[in-house]
Amino acid sequence: MSATAENQRLTVADIARMHGDGTPIPMLTAYDFPTARLLDEAGIPLILVGDSVGEVMLGYESTVRVSMEDMLHHTRAVVRGAGRSLVIGDMPFMSYATVDEALDSAGRFLREAGAQAVKVEGGVRTARVIEALVRAGIPVQGHIGWTPQAKYAMGGKVRVQGKTADRARSVIADALAVQEAGAFSMVLELIPAQLAAAITERLRIPTIGIGAGPGCSGQVQVVTDLLGLGSFIPRHARPYAHLRETILEAAQKFAADVTAGTFPGTEESSQMDQTVLDEVLGRSALDRSEGVLGTAGSAGIPLDRDL
């Protein structure tokens, strides 16, 4: 592959090719420019600007509070940071309640924020929206199983979906509906591993699991879980770093150095020519002479003097 091709942004066709080749697909969330730049450099093919930004970055109690303006703001930053990864904007709560609203919202993600695809939650109930978006030329990633935007309708408590026969059939129906509506991939969240594997085997499009076992076509994690930044790590997540402790220790050391007067030191400070400073402050030999200041032994120009 040429250097030019390697630097081109990935498309849904590239993701389909990875799936066809049997290559597992990693996906991570990102919400800002520096993180997106690092994930892009690491070779992560899919970056999701998730509405999880509300809980992990903005301090909301649920994703329901996240607005379109929140999502567009963070998506713009991620797109600026990621030059090769395919960036997916997560459609926030009530931004796709109707087909017309969905087309307007998705269009803003692509036109204003620069995303290359959008993600919507829901299976059978959202199929009509997905189909309309795809017909309009907008790549769509589905999301079934546990859908956080429907948290309150699903009882408010995070729980695995599809453990009973009826619920498993419903999850399978959702997966098929999302595929037939034209989605290029779908997230399977909090689904029993056996059911997720069975769904993956029956679909033509890739599945991206989160808490859905190893049988999916790819896996996604919330980046703050990956980095160990939160005070709580979900059972389905695996921290690959422990940055909460690292950041906390760094902040404590900084505060201690400031309190002790050891920061900043010479290495963190710059200097100027002393004669220039003396001239500015009126402390040169000429300024100290009686002829200039009119007073023998003057200490120079007071700092509040009108220069």
Foldseek 3Di string as FASTA:
>chain_A
DDPVVVQAADALVVQLVCVVVLHFAEEEEDQAQVVLLVCLVVPRQEYEPDLCCCVPPVPDPASQPDDLVSQLVRLLRNCNRHRHHQYEGEQGPPQPPDLVSLLVSLCCCCPVRNHQAYEYEWFPNCLVNLLSCVVVVHAYEYEDFDDRNCCVVVPVDDAAFQPDPVRLVVRLNRLVSNVVSPHQEYEYERYDQVSQLVSQVPGSHFYEYQNRDDNGSYYYDHVCLCACQDPDHDPSGDHPHNVNVVVVVVVVVVVVCVVVVPPPDPVPDDDDPPVVVCVVQANDPVSQDCVNVVDHRDNGHPPPDDD
